[in-house]
């Protein structure tokens, strides 16, 4: 056998355990129990073979068992000793094996109920819990029996005892933690005794939503109904969702109804409630009311998105409305919503990515309402959007407006001429003109204004070259020949201011004073424009100094734009200076 064992160890290890077991058998047959014990242990068959082999050798068996720490062997040994009637000895062996269940069982058999219960509570052995529960049931200690059945997770036994002994409170606690089968049993019990709120909750937790809701509606347990409704999701029965939503609408709890209808994919109905009952459409709710891809057909999806966006518009949530119109493919309405938000950066961005003529024009029109005079980036975007939108007529109008602002705000006729030139070019580029007469008229107006502004610029250059007489003559002729329409292109006040400035420069103060008088008469006919609108502070001070009077005597200090009362007061003061 030794040779066979060596061969197995070196060349046939798969059969090594089998070889060791066979050798142990041979040693047992030869009466060499000690060596056989060693081989059985090596073969890992000792749990069965050693007790069998030594059962007729009590002393050797006891000696072997006293040395082992194997829980399985000790458990067998304890049961053997117990069968011999030595309960205390068996208890010690069970303790050594840390076999809580057999310790508890033995203690109960010995009448040591307190020790058994204490040992059970200090451990987590479910078999021990169950044994203690059955023990207490046999002794009619129902409270402890239910307690230990619960700890053993033997809920069906606990439910049985509670029902038999009308322990409603304990049954309720069990129903909350037990499995669905026990929950249903508890729910039926509570329904039978009329404790409907508890029955509804347990039916709900057991998954019988229909039953729970029917019972809630019949018994008018509306608080519980709301709890159930909050747990409904997309996998819930649509009929249940609709039933709860109808209840919330009836009780004017519209926000909860909308949430449920969104869960149930009743999008149109939910949106109508939001619109009719002013339920705030948050970002989260709007997403819930947005059908997912392939959830509905494309036409239905677009209709839902448009309805949602329109409701958002009514509520003033323009950014979210823009998003929903965009998802519906209606970029024009999306831009209209965005325009209402006044978010300039997003308007510019949206126009840039949309690449639609109408949207370009809408964006440019909006940007014109801003302070584009002081924001070059806005100005560039207006021009860009009108150009990309091929709205050359609108672009021309914008250039004309630019020219007018350069004149009115800054008296910069050179820049005004540049803007009018661009307006003329835009009109010239127009190819598909729908109204040729109107186009021709617009072109003539721009050309006329360009000519007037160009003439004024040329007069300024005469003065710059020192030709005062020529410049004055041209100004006088310009004022006469300009007619009633002159003010639309070149302001008479600017022509007078140009002459007055030149006379002051030449120190011809009396002529300058005379022109101031003429300008006053011209302005008095307009009714509401003060003289200081055209003559700046430095010019007035220079003239006053040349005449030897104070500026206040010449022209009282006023703001650039005065009220009608101030204009009248200015006129009276100026008349006193004139006298």
Protein backbone atom coordinates (compact mmCIF):
# COMPACT_ATOMS: atom_id res chain seq x y z
CA UNK A 1 0.00 0.00 0.00
CA UNK A 2 2.89 2.31 0.68
CA UNK A 3 4.10 1.82 -2.90
CA UNK A 4 0.62 2.48 -4.23
CA UNK A 5 0.44 5.65 -2.13
CA UNK A 6 3.79 6.86 -3.52
CA UNK A 7 2.66 6.23 -7.09
CA UNK A 8 -0.56 8.14 -6.42
CA UNK A 9 1.32 11.03 -4.82
CA UNK A 10 3.79 11.33 -7.70
CA UNK A 11 1.91 10.26 -10.81
CA UNK A 12 -1.81 9.90 -10.09
CA UNK A 13 -2.80 12.64 -7.69
CA UNK A 14 -6.35 12.66 -8.96
CA UNK A 15 -6.81 9.31 -7.21
CA UNK A 16 -4.73 10.17 -4.13
CA UNK A 17 -7.71 10.58 -1.75
CA UNK A 18 -9.21 7.33 -3.01
CA UNK A 19 -5.91 5.52 -2.42
CA UNK A 20 -5.62 6.94 1.11
CA UNK A 21 -9.18 5.83 1.87
CA UNK A 22 -8.50 2.29 0.66
CA UNK A 23 -5.33 2.13 2.73
CA UNK A 24 -7.33 3.23 5.80
CA UNK A 25 -9.79 0.39 5.10
CA UNK A 26 -6.93 -2.13 5.01
CA UNK A 27 -5.49 -0.76 8.25
CA UNK A 28 -8.94 -0.95 9.88
CA UNK A 29 -9.33 -4.56 8.80
CA UNK A 30 -5.88 -5.26 10.23
CA UNK A 31 -7.01 -3.77 13.56
CA UNK A 32 -4.63 -0.80 13.38
CA UNK A 33 -7.24 1.82 14.32
CA UNK A 34 -4.72 4.53 15.10
CA UNK A 35 -3.10 4.39 11.66
CA UNK A 36 -6.49 3.96 10.02
CA UNK A 37 -7.69 7.11 11.77
CA UNK A 38 -4.78 9.09 10.31
CA UNK A 39 -5.46 7.84 6.77
CA UNK A 40 -9.21 8.50 7.03
CA UNK A 41 -8.39 12.08 8.03
CA UNK A 42 -5.99 12.44 5.09
CA UNK A 43 -8.65 11.06 2.76
CA UNK A 44 -11.12 13.59 4.25
CA UNK A 45 -13.63 10.81 4.95
CA UNK A 46 -13.18 10.87 8.71
CA UNK A 47 -16.51 12.55 9.52
CA UNK A 48 -18.36 9.33 8.78
CA UNK A 49 -15.72 6.60 8.85
CA UNK A 50 -14.08 7.26 12.24
CA UNK A 51 -17.32 7.25 14.28
CA UNK A 52 -18.37 4.10 12.43
CA UNK A 53 -15.00 2.45 13.02
CA UNK A 54 -14.76 3.33 16.73
CA UNK A 55 -18.41 2.88 17.69
CA UNK A 56 -17.55 -0.46 19.23
CA UNK A 57 -14.42 0.95 20.86
CA UNK A 58 -15.89 3.36 23.44
CA UNK A 59 -12.64 4.39 25.07
CA UNK A 60 -10.83 5.05 21.81
CA UNK A 61 -13.88 6.89 20.50
CA UNK A 62 -14.08 9.09 23.59
CA UNK A 63 -10.34 9.77 23.47
CA UNK A 64 -10.54 10.78 19.82
CA UNK A 65 -13.59 12.99 20.32
CA UNK A 66 -12.05 14.75 23.31
CA UNK A 67 -9.20 15.92 21.09
CA UNK A 68 -11.12 17.00 17.99
CA UNK A 69 -12.44 20.51 17.33
CA UNK A 70 -14.38 19.60 14.22
CA UNK A 71 -17.94 21.03 14.65
CA UNK A 72 -19.57 18.22 12.67
CA UNK A 73 -17.86 15.47 14.68
CA UNK A 74 -18.62 17.25 17.93
CA UNK A 75 -22.28 17.61 16.92
CA UNK A 76 -22.46 13.86 16.23
CA UNK A 77 -20.66 13.12 19.48
CA UNK A 78 -23.03 15.37 21.42
CA UNK A 79 -26.06 13.62 19.93
CA UNK A 80 -24.48 10.25 20.78
CA UNK A 81 -23.86 11.28 24.39
CA UNK A 82 -27.40 12.72 24.55
CA UNK A 83 -28.78 9.40 23.36
CA UNK A 84 -26.94 7.75 26.25
CA UNK A 85 -28.89 10.00 28.64
CA UNK A 86 -26.00 12.30 29.61
CA UNK A 87 -27.68 15.65 28.89
CA UNK A 88 -25.13 17.78 30.76
CA UNK A 89 -22.28 16.09 28.93
CA UNK A 90 -24.04 16.58 25.63
CA UNK A 91 -24.65 20.24 26.48
CA UNK A 92 -20.93 20.77 27.08
CA UNK A 93 -20.08 19.14 23.76
CA UNK A 94 -22.67 21.27 21.92
CA UNK A 95 -21.18 24.36 23.55
CA UNK A 96 -17.69 23.35 22.40
CA UNK A 97 -19.07 22.90 18.87
CA UNK A 98 -20.83 26.31 19.16
CA UNK A 99 -24.03 24.53 18.15
CA UNK A 100 -26.62 27.02 19.43
CA UNK A 101 -29.66 25.16 18.17
CA UNK A 102 -28.81 21.87 19.93
CA UNK A 103 -27.88 23.74 23.11
CA UNK A 104 -31.27 25.50 23.09
CA UNK A 105 -33.09 22.27 22.29
CA UNK A 106 -31.32 20.43 25.11
CA UNK A 107 -31.90 23.23 27.63
CA UNK A 108 -35.60 23.30 26.80
CA UNK A 109 -35.77 19.53 27.23
CA UNK A 110 -34.03 19.91 30.61
CA UNK A 111 -36.56 22.56 31.64
CA UNK A 112 -33.99 25.36 31.54
CA UNK A 113 -36.28 27.71 29.63
CA UNK A 114 -34.69 30.98 30.85
CA UNK A 115 -31.17 29.84 29.96
CA UNK A 116 -32.39 28.67 26.58
CA UNK A 117 -34.11 32.00 25.87
CA UNK A 118 -31.10 34.02 27.02
CA UNK A 119 -28.76 31.95 24.84
CA UNK A 120 -31.08 32.33 21.85
CA UNK A 121 -31.33 36.11 22.22
CA UNK A 122 -27.55 36.46 22.37
CA UNK A 123 -27.17 34.72 18.99
CA UNK A 124 -28.68 34.92 15.50
CA UNK A 125 -29.39 31.24 14.88
CA UNK A 126 -32.79 31.13 13.14
CA UNK A 127 -33.24 27.45 13.95
CA UNK A 128 -32.81 28.30 17.63
CA UNK A 129 -35.32 31.15 17.30
CA UNK A 130 -37.80 28.81 15.67
CA UNK A 131 -37.34 26.13 18.36
CA UNK A 132 -37.88 28.67 21.13
CA UNK A 133 -41.01 29.93 19.35
CA UNK A 134 -42.45 26.41 19.14
CA UNK A 135 -41.51 25.80 22.76
CA UNK A 136 -43.32 28.96 23.90
CA UNK A 137 -46.32 28.05 21.74
CA UNK A 138 -46.58 24.68 23.50
CA UNK A 139 -46.40 26.44 26.87
CA UNK A 140 -49.07 28.94 25.69
CA UNK A 141 -46.71 31.93 25.98
CA UNK A 142 -48.11 33.48 22.79
CA UNK A 143 -46.35 36.87 23.00
CA UNK A 144 -42.91 35.26 23.21
CA UNK A 145 -43.85 32.71 20.58
CA UNK A 146 -44.81 35.47 18.12
CA UNK A 147 -41.65 37.38 18.99
CA UNK A 148 -39.38 34.41 18.27
CA UNK A 149 -41.30 33.39 15.14
CA UNK A 150 -40.66 36.91 13.81
CA UNK A 151 -36.95 36.65 14.62
CA UNK A 152 -36.86 33.32 12.81
CA UNK A 153 -38.59 34.96 9.81
CA UNK A 154 -41.31 32.36 10.21
CA UNK A 155 -43.95 34.98 9.50
CA UNK A 156 -46.72 32.59 8.51
CA UNK A 157 -46.61 31.01 11.98
CA UNK A 158 -46.53 34.45 13.61
CA UNK A 159 -49.53 35.55 11.51
CA UNK A 160 -51.40 32.38 12.45
CA UNK A 161 -50.88 32.95 16.17
CA UNK A 162 -51.80 36.66 15.95
CA UNK A 163 -55.02 35.91 14.11
CA UNK A 164 -55.94 33.13 16.53
CA UNK A 165 -55.37 35.42 19.49
CA UNK A 166 -56.66 38.72 18.01
CA UNK A 167 -53.26 40.42 18.30
CA UNK A 168 -54.01 43.19 15.80
CA UNK A 169 -51.09 45.50 16.60
CA UNK A 170 -48.53 42.69 16.34
CA UNK A 171 -50.19 41.51 13.13
CA UNK A 172 -49.88 45.02 11.63
CA UNK A 173 -46.15 45.13 12.41
CA UNK A 174 -45.68 41.69 10.88
CA UNK A 175 -47.62 42.68 7.77
CA UNK A 176 -45.29 45.62 7.14
CA UNK A 177 -42.13 43.45 7.02
CA UNK A 178 -43.38 40.04 5.89
CA UNK A 179 -43.57 38.69 2.35
CA UNK A 180 -46.44 39.31 -0.03
CA UNK A 181 -48.30 36.14 0.92
CA UNK A 182 -48.36 37.12 4.60
CA UNK A 183 -49.16 40.76 3.67
CA UNK A 184 -52.27 39.62 1.83
CA UNK A 185 -53.32 37.43 4.75
CA UNK A 186 -52.90 40.37 7.13
CA UNK A 187 -54.72 42.73 4.74
CA UNK A 188 -57.68 40.34 4.52
CA UNK A 189 -57.80 40.14 8.32
CA UNK A 190 -57.85 43.93 8.70
CA UNK A 191 -60.47 44.27 5.97
CA UNK A 192 -62.66 41.75 7.80
CA UNK A 193 -62.42 43.58 11.11
CA UNK A 194 -63.06 46.98 9.48
CA UNK A 195 -59.57 48.45 9.85
CA UNK A 196 -59.63 49.59 6.24
CA UNK A 197 -56.72 52.04 6.21
CA UNK A 198 -54.31 49.29 7.29
CA UNK A 199 -55.91 46.86 4.86
CA UNK A 200 -55.45 49.31 1.96
CA UNK A 201 -51.80 49.94 2.80
CA UNK A 202 -51.05 46.21 3.02
CA UNK A 203 -52.90 45.42 -0.22
CA UNK A 204 -50.90 48.18 -1.88
CA UNK A 205 -47.57 46.92 -0.55
CA UNK A 206 -48.48 43.39 -1.59
CA UNK A 207 -48.91 44.62 -5.16
CA UNK A 208 -52.72 44.46 -5.37
CA UNK A 209 -53.14 48.07 -6.51
CA UNK A 210 -56.60 47.55 -7.97
CA UNK A 211 -57.83 46.07 -4.71
CA UNK A 212 -56.17 48.82 -2.67
CA UNK A 213 -57.63 51.61 -4.81
CA UNK A 214 -61.11 50.10 -4.93
CA UNK A 215 -61.13 49.80 -1.16
CA UNK A 216 -59.75 53.35 -0.79
CA UNK A 217 -62.44 54.83 -3.04
CA UNK A 218 -65.24 52.85 -1.41
CA UNK A 219 -64.16 53.80 2.10
CA UNK A 220 -63.11 57.35 1.10
CA UNK A 221 -59.63 56.86 2.54
CA UNK A 222 -58.24 59.75 0.51
CA UNK A 223 -55.02 60.25 2.50
CA UNK A 224 -54.03 56.66 1.79
CA UNK A 225 -55.12 57.11 -1.82
CA UNK A 226 -52.61 59.94 -2.25
CA UNK A 227 -49.83 57.74 -0.87
CA UNK A 228 -50.70 55.04 -3.39
CA UNK A 229 -50.84 57.53 -6.26
CA UNK A 230 -47.30 58.77 -5.60
CA UNK A 231 -45.99 55.24 -6.21
CA UNK A 232 -47.62 54.80 -9.60
CA UNK A 233 -45.20 54.74 -12.53
CA UNK A 234 -45.10 54.05 -16.26
CA UNK A 235 -45.48 50.32 -15.63
CA UNK A 236 -48.68 50.77 -13.63
CA UNK A 237 -52.10 49.92 -15.04
CA UNK A 238 -53.30 52.88 -17.19
CA UNK A 239 -56.82 52.44 -15.81
CA UNK A 240 -55.50 52.90 -12.27
CA UNK A 241 -53.59 56.02 -13.26
CA UNK A 242 -56.66 57.51 -14.95
CA UNK A 243 -58.85 56.70 -11.97
CA UNK A 244 -56.50 58.44 -9.55
CA UNK A 245 -56.06 61.41 -11.88
CA UNK A 246 -59.82 61.84 -12.15
CA UNK A 247 -60.05 61.82 -8.38
CA UNK A 248 -57.41 64.56 -8.06
CA UNK A 249 -59.15 66.70 -10.68
CA UNK A 250 -62.46 66.30 -8.86
CA UNK A 251 -60.80 67.42 -5.63
CA UNK A 252 -59.02 70.33 -7.38
CA UNK A 253 -55.56 68.88 -6.77
CA UNK A 254 -54.55 69.70 -10.32
CA UNK A 255 -50.78 69.48 -9.89
CA UNK A 256 -51.05 65.88 -8.68
CA UNK A 257 -53.44 65.07 -11.50
CA UNK A 258 -50.97 66.43 -14.05
CA UNK A 259 -48.12 64.39 -12.58
CA UNK A 260 -50.19 61.23 -12.82
CA UNK A 261 -51.38 61.95 -16.36
CA UNK A 262 -47.77 62.58 -17.36
CA UNK A 263 -46.82 59.20 -15.91
CA UNK A 264 -49.71 57.63 -17.79
CA UNK A 265 -48.65 59.35 -21.02
CA UNK A 266 -51.94 61.27 -21.22
CA UNK A 267 -50.01 64.27 -22.52
CA UNK A 268 -52.76 66.35 -24.12
CA UNK A 269 -55.08 66.01 -21.14
CA UNK A 270 -52.27 66.96 -18.75
CA UNK A 271 -51.31 70.02 -20.80
CA UNK A 272 -54.95 71.18 -20.94
CA UNK A 273 -55.16 70.99 -17.14
CA UNK A 274 -51.95 73.03 -16.84
CA UNK A 275 -53.37 75.69 -19.13
CA UNK A 276 -56.87 75.81 -17.68
CA UNK A 277 -55.91 75.60 -14.01
CA UNK A 278 -52.56 77.43 -14.04
CA UNK A 279 -50.41 74.47 -13.02
CA UNK A 280 -46.81 75.65 -13.26
CA UNK A 281 -44.92 73.84 -16.00
CA UNK A 282 -41.45 73.26 -14.55
CA UNK A 283 -38.54 71.92 -16.58
CA UNK A 284 -39.02 68.50 -15.00
CA UNK A 285 -42.75 68.40 -15.70
CA UNK A 286 -42.25 69.63 -19.27
CA UNK A 287 -39.85 66.75 -19.89
CA UNK A 288 -42.39 64.30 -18.49
CA UNK A 289 -44.95 65.70 -20.93
CA UNK A 290 -42.59 65.29 -23.88
CA UNK A 291 -43.16 61.97 -25.69
CA UNK A 292 -40.09 59.82 -26.08
CA UNK A 293 -38.83 58.67 -29.44
CA UNK A 294 -41.10 56.11 -31.17
CA UNK A 295 -43.61 56.40 -28.30
CA UNK A 296 -46.23 58.05 -30.51
CA UNK A 297 -46.44 58.79 -34.22
CA UNK A 298 -44.63 61.87 -35.50
CA UNK A 299 -47.73 63.97 -36.16
CA UNK A 300 -49.10 63.35 -32.66
CA UNK A 301 -45.73 64.14 -31.13
CA UNK A 302 -45.54 67.47 -32.97
CA UNK A 303 -49.07 68.40 -31.87
CA UNK A 304 -48.23 67.60 -28.25
CA UNK A 305 -45.01 69.61 -28.36
CA UNK A 306 -46.77 72.59 -29.93
CA UNK A 307 -49.52 72.51 -27.30
CA UNK A 308 -46.91 72.27 -24.57
CA UNK A 309 -44.95 75.19 -26.02
CA UNK A 310 -48.09 77.33 -26.31
CA UNK A 311 -48.90 76.67 -22.66
CA UNK A 312 -45.37 77.63 -21.70
CA UNK A 313 -45.78 80.86 -23.64
CA UNK A 314 -48.95 81.67 -21.71
CA UNK A 315 -47.06 81.07 -18.45
CA UNK A 316 -44.18 83.27 -19.57
CA UNK A 317 -41.60 80.48 -19.65
CA UNK A 318 -40.19 81.62 -22.99
CA UNK A 319 -36.90 79.73 -22.91
CA UNK A 320 -38.61 76.40 -22.35
CA UNK A 321 -41.24 77.28 -24.96
CA UNK A 322 -38.41 77.92 -27.42
CA UNK A 323 -37.01 74.47 -26.69
CA UNK A 324 -40.35 72.75 -27.25
CA UNK A 325 -41.13 74.66 -30.46
CA UNK A 326 -37.67 73.68 -31.70
CA UNK A 327 -38.29 70.03 -30.85
CA UNK A 328 -41.54 70.31 -32.81
CA UNK A 329 -39.55 71.59 -35.79
CA UNK A 330 -41.16 75.05 -35.75
CA UNK A 331 -38.12 77.30 -35.53
CA UNK A 332 -40.02 80.46 -36.46
CA UNK A 333 -42.33 80.17 -33.47
CA UNK A 334 -39.34 79.17 -31.39
CA UNK A 335 -37.66 82.44 -32.34
CA UNK A 336 -40.81 84.40 -31.51
CA UNK A 337 -40.79 82.83 -28.05
CA UNK A 338 -37.12 83.62 -27.64
CA UNK A 339 -37.67 87.23 -28.69
CA UNK A 340 -40.19 87.59 -25.86
CA UNK A 341 -37.54 86.45 -23.40
CA UNK A 342 -35.26 89.33 -24.40
CA UNK A 343 -32.20 87.07 -24.09
CA UNK A 344 -30.00 88.79 -26.68
CA UNK A 345 -27.13 86.30 -26.61
CA UNK A 346 -29.45 83.35 -27.20
CA UNK A 347 -31.36 85.23 -29.91
CA UNK A 348 -28.13 85.88 -31.80
CA UNK A 349 -27.01 82.27 -31.35
CA UNK A 350 -30.37 80.83 -32.40
CA UNK A 351 -30.51 82.98 -35.54
CA UNK A 352 -26.99 81.87 -36.43
CA UNK A 353 -27.71 78.16 -36.15
CA UNK A 354 -31.21 78.25 -37.69
CA UNK A 355 -30.10 79.68 -41.05
CA UNK A 356 -33.64 80.70 -42.05
CA UNK A 357 -34.45 83.96 -43.81
CA UNK A 358 -37.44 84.81 -41.64
CA UNK A 359 -35.48 84.14 -38.46
CA UNK A 360 -32.56 86.30 -39.61
CA UNK A 361 -34.98 89.18 -40.23
CA UNK A 362 -36.75 88.71 -36.89
CA UNK A 363 -33.43 88.73 -35.05
CA UNK A 364 -32.23 91.84 -36.86
CA UNK A 365 -35.50 93.66 -36.18
CA UNK A 366 -35.17 92.82 -32.49
CA UNK A 367 -31.55 93.95 -32.32
CA UNK A 368 -32.56 97.33 -33.74
CA UNK A 369 -34.55 97.92 -30.55
CA UNK A 370 -31.35 97.75 -28.50
CA UNK A 371 -28.62 100.31 -27.93
CA UNK A 372 -26.79 99.29 -31.08
CA UNK A 373 -25.27 102.78 -31.41
CA UNK A 374 -22.97 102.04 -28.47
CA UNK A 375 -22.54 98.30 -29.06
CA UNK A 376 -20.54 97.58 -32.23
CA UNK A 377 -21.19 93.84 -31.96
CA UNK A 378 -24.95 94.39 -32.07
CA UNK A 379 -24.53 96.71 -35.06
CA UNK A 380 -22.50 94.10 -36.94
CA UNK A 381 -25.09 91.41 -36.21
CA UNK A 382 -27.94 93.59 -37.51
CA UNK A 383 -26.11 94.12 -40.79
CA UNK A 384 -25.11 90.44 -40.99
CA UNK A 385 -28.61 89.12 -40.34
CA UNK A 386 -30.30 91.45 -42.83
CA UNK A 387 -27.66 90.49 -45.39
CA UNK A 388 -28.01 86.74 -44.78
CA UNK A 389 -31.79 87.11 -44.81
CA UNK A 390 -31.52 88.88 -48.17
CA UNK A 391 -33.66 91.68 -46.76
CA UNK A 392 -31.84 94.41 -48.65
CA UNK A 393 -34.76 96.84 -48.35
CA UNK A 394 -34.71 96.48 -44.57
CA UNK A 395 -30.94 96.78 -44.57
CA UNK A 396 -31.23 100.01 -46.55
CA UNK A 397 -33.76 101.35 -44.05
CA UNK A 398 -31.39 100.47 -41.24
CA UNK A 399 -28.52 102.34 -42.90
CA UNK A 400 -30.80 105.36 -43.31
CA UNK A 401 -31.63 105.14 -39.60
CA UNK A 402 -27.90 104.95 -38.84
CA UNK A 403 -27.32 108.06 -40.90
CA UNK A 404 -30.06 109.95 -39.07
CA UNK A 405 -28.63 109.00 -35.67
CA UNK A 406 -25.15 110.13 -36.74
CA UNK A 407 -26.69 113.50 -37.61
CA UNK A 408 -29.06 113.89 -34.65
CA UNK A 409 -26.80 112.55 -31.92
CA UNK A 410 -23.28 113.32 -33.08
CA UNK A 411 -23.58 115.87 -35.93
CA UNK A 412 -21.25 113.54 -37.85
CA UNK A 413 -22.27 114.10 -41.46
CA UNK A 414 -19.28 112.20 -42.79
CA UNK A 415 -20.45 108.96 -41.15
CA UNK A 416 -24.01 109.75 -42.12
CA UNK A 417 -22.91 110.01 -45.75
CA UNK A 418 -21.17 106.62 -45.44
CA UNK A 419 -24.34 105.04 -44.07
CA UNK A 420 -26.46 106.55 -46.85
CA UNK A 421 -23.97 105.24 -49.39
CA UNK A 422 -24.43 101.72 -47.99
CA UNK A 423 -28.20 102.20 -48.12
CA UNK A 424 -27.93 103.15 -51.79
CA UNK A 425 -25.79 100.10 -52.52
CA UNK A 426 -28.28 97.80 -50.77
CA UNK A 427 -31.14 99.18 -52.85
CA UNK A 428 -29.09 98.78 -56.01
CA UNK A 429 -28.42 95.09 -55.23
CA UNK A 430 -32.11 94.25 -55.03
CA UNK A 431 -33.03 92.03 -57.96
CA UNK A 432 -36.51 90.61 -57.39
CA UNK A 433 -38.35 93.85 -56.67
CA UNK A 434 -42.06 93.29 -56.07
CA UNK A 435 -43.01 96.98 -56.20
CA UNK A 436 -40.78 98.78 -58.67
CA UNK A 437 -42.44 102.17 -58.11
CA UNK A 438 -41.88 102.03 -54.37
CA UNK A 439 -38.32 100.85 -54.91
CA UNK A 440 -37.63 103.69 -57.31
CA UNK A 441 -39.07 106.21 -54.87
CA UNK A 442 -36.92 104.86 -52.01
CA UNK A 443 -33.84 105.05 -54.21
CA UNK A 444 -34.58 108.67 -55.14
CA UNK A 445 -35.09 109.64 -51.48
CA UNK A 446 -31.75 108.12 -50.49
CA UNK A 447 -29.97 109.75 -53.43
CA UNK A 448 -31.50 113.11 -52.56
CA UNK A 449 -30.35 112.81 -48.95
CA UNK A 450 -26.91 111.76 -50.06
CA UNK A 451 -26.66 114.80 -52.29
CA UNK A 452 -27.73 117.15 -49.49
CA UNK A 453 -25.31 115.63 -46.97
CA UNK A 454 -22.51 115.67 -49.56
CA UNK A 455 -23.15 119.37 -50.21
CA UNK A 456 -22.97 120.13 -46.48
CA UNK A 457 -19.69 118.22 -46.18
CA UNK A 458 -18.28 120.17 -49.13
CA UNK A 459 -19.26 123.46 -47.46
CA UNK A 460 -17.46 122.38 -44.28
CA UNK A 461 -14.36 121.75 -46.34
CA UNK A 462 -14.55 125.28 -47.78
CA UNK A 463 -14.41 126.65 -44.25
CA UNK A 464 -11.57 124.29 -43.38
CA UNK A 465 -9.61 125.70 -46.33
CA UNK A 466 -10.24 129.24 -44.99
CA UNK A 467 -12.78 130.29 -47.64
CA UNK A 468 -15.18 131.96 -45.23
CA UNK A 469 -16.97 134.07 -47.83
CA UNK A 470 -17.49 131.12 -50.16
CA UNK A 471 -18.66 128.93 -47.32
CA UNK A 472 -21.12 131.57 -46.05
CA UNK A 473 -22.48 132.07 -49.55
CA UNK A 474 -22.95 128.35 -50.05
CA UNK A 475 -24.69 128.06 -46.67
CA UNK A 476 -27.07 130.90 -47.54
CA UNK A 477 -27.86 129.34 -50.90
CA UNK A 478 -28.27 125.94 -49.29
CA UNK A 479 -30.78 127.31 -46.79
CA UNK A 480 -32.80 128.91 -49.58
CA UNK A 481 -32.64 126.09 -52.14
CA UNK A 482 -33.14 123.28 -49.63
CA UNK A 483 -36.81 124.01 -49.28
CA UNK A 484 -39.11 122.41 -46.77
CA UNK A 485 -37.47 118.97 -47.17
CA UNK A 486 -33.99 120.19 -46.20
CA UNK A 487 -34.48 119.29 -42.53
CA UNK A 488 -34.91 115.60 -43.47
CA UNK A 489 -31.32 115.49 -44.74
CA UNK A 490 -29.38 118.39 -43.18
CA UNK A 491 -30.60 120.29 -40.16
CA UNK A 492 -30.84 124.07 -40.61
CA UNK A 493 -29.52 124.44 -37.09
CA UNK A 494 -26.30 122.66 -38.10
CA UNK A 495 -25.88 124.99 -41.10
CA UNK A 496 -26.26 128.05 -38.86
CA UNK A 497 -23.95 126.51 -36.27
CA UNK A 498 -21.33 125.96 -38.98
CA UNK A 499 -21.49 129.63 -40.05
CA UNK A 500 -21.47 130.90 -36.43
CA UNK A 501 -18.47 128.71 -35.64
CA UNK A 502 -16.57 130.09 -38.63
CA UNK A 503 -17.35 133.74 -37.74
CA UNK A 504 -16.21 133.17 -34.15
CA UNK A 505 -13.07 131.55 -35.47
CA UNK A 506 -12.49 134.64 -37.62
CA UNK A 507 -13.37 136.84 -34.57
CA UNK A 508 -16.28 138.35 -36.46
CA UNK A 509 -18.45 138.33 -33.35
CA UNK A 510 -21.15 140.76 -34.51
CA UNK A 511 -21.90 138.65 -37.59
CA UNK A 512 -21.94 135.61 -35.35
CA UNK A 513 -24.38 137.37 -33.02
CA UNK A 514 -26.62 138.23 -35.96
CA UNK A 515 -26.66 134.59 -37.05
CA UNK A 516 -27.57 133.57 -33.50
CA UNK A 517 -30.59 135.84 -33.79
CA UNK A 518 -31.56 134.30 -37.12
CA UNK A 519 -31.18 130.82 -35.68
CA UNK A 520 -33.37 131.80 -32.74
CA UNK A 521 -36.11 132.88 -35.14
CA UNK A 522 -35.83 129.62 -37.12
CA UNK A 523 -36.04 127.56 -33.95
CA UNK A 524 -38.97 129.51 -32.56
CA UNK A 525 -41.02 128.33 -35.51
CA UNK A 526 -40.25 124.71 -34.62
CA UNK A 527 -41.53 125.38 -31.11
CA UNK A 528 -39.56 123.00 -28.93
CA UNK A 529 -35.86 123.02 -29.78
CA UNK A 530 -33.50 125.18 -27.65
CA UNK A 531 -30.63 126.98 -29.32
CA UNK A 532 -28.12 125.05 -27.21
CA UNK A 533 -29.13 121.96 -29.15
CA UNK A 534 -26.92 123.27 -31.97
CA UNK A 535 -24.48 125.60 -30.21
CA UNK A 536 -22.30 123.84 -27.67
CA UNK A 537 -21.01 125.36 -24.46
CA UNK A 538 -17.52 126.15 -25.79
CA UNK A 539 -18.96 127.99 -28.80
CA UNK A 540 -21.32 130.08 -26.65
CA UNK A 541 -18.54 130.95 -24.19
CA UNK A 542 -16.25 132.03 -27.04
CA UNK A 543 -18.96 134.26 -28.54
CA UNK A 544 -19.83 135.77 -25.15
CA UNK A 545 -16.18 136.50 -24.51
CA UNK A 546 -15.85 138.17 -27.90
CA UNK A 547 -18.95 140.32 -27.23
CA UNK A 548 -17.82 141.14 -23.70
CA UNK A 549 -20.85 139.62 -21.98
CA UNK A 550 -21.33 136.59 -19.78
CA UNK A 551 -22.51 133.34 -21.40
CA UNK A 552 -25.67 133.42 -19.25
CA UNK A 553 -26.57 136.80 -20.67
CA UNK A 554 -26.09 135.52 -24.19
CA UNK A 555 -27.75 132.11 -23.83
CA UNK A 556 -29.03 130.83 -20.46
CA UNK A 557 -27.68 127.44 -19.30
CA UNK A 558 -30.06 124.69 -20.35
CA UNK A 559 -29.85 121.02 -20.95
CA UNK A 560 -29.62 119.66 -24.43
CA UNK A 561 -33.28 118.59 -24.56
CA UNK A 562 -35.69 120.93 -22.74
CA UNK A 563 -39.35 120.81 -21.92
CA UNK A 564 -41.72 123.16 -23.74
CA UNK A 565 -41.91 125.42 -20.65
CA UNK A 566 -38.12 125.67 -20.53
CA UNK A 567 -37.99 126.50 -24.24
CA UNK A 568 -40.47 129.35 -23.71
CA UNK A 569 -38.45 130.61 -20.75
CA UNK A 570 -35.26 130.44 -22.82
CA UNK A 571 -36.85 132.50 -25.56
CA UNK A 572 -37.86 135.23 -23.08
CA UNK A 573 -34.36 135.41 -21.60
CA UNK A 574 -32.75 135.47 -25.03
CA UNK A 575 -35.00 138.36 -26.04
CA UNK A 576 -33.73 140.34 -23.05
CA UNK A 577 -30.13 139.70 -24.14
CA UNK A 578 -31.03 140.73 -27.69
CA UNK A 579 -32.41 144.04 -26.42
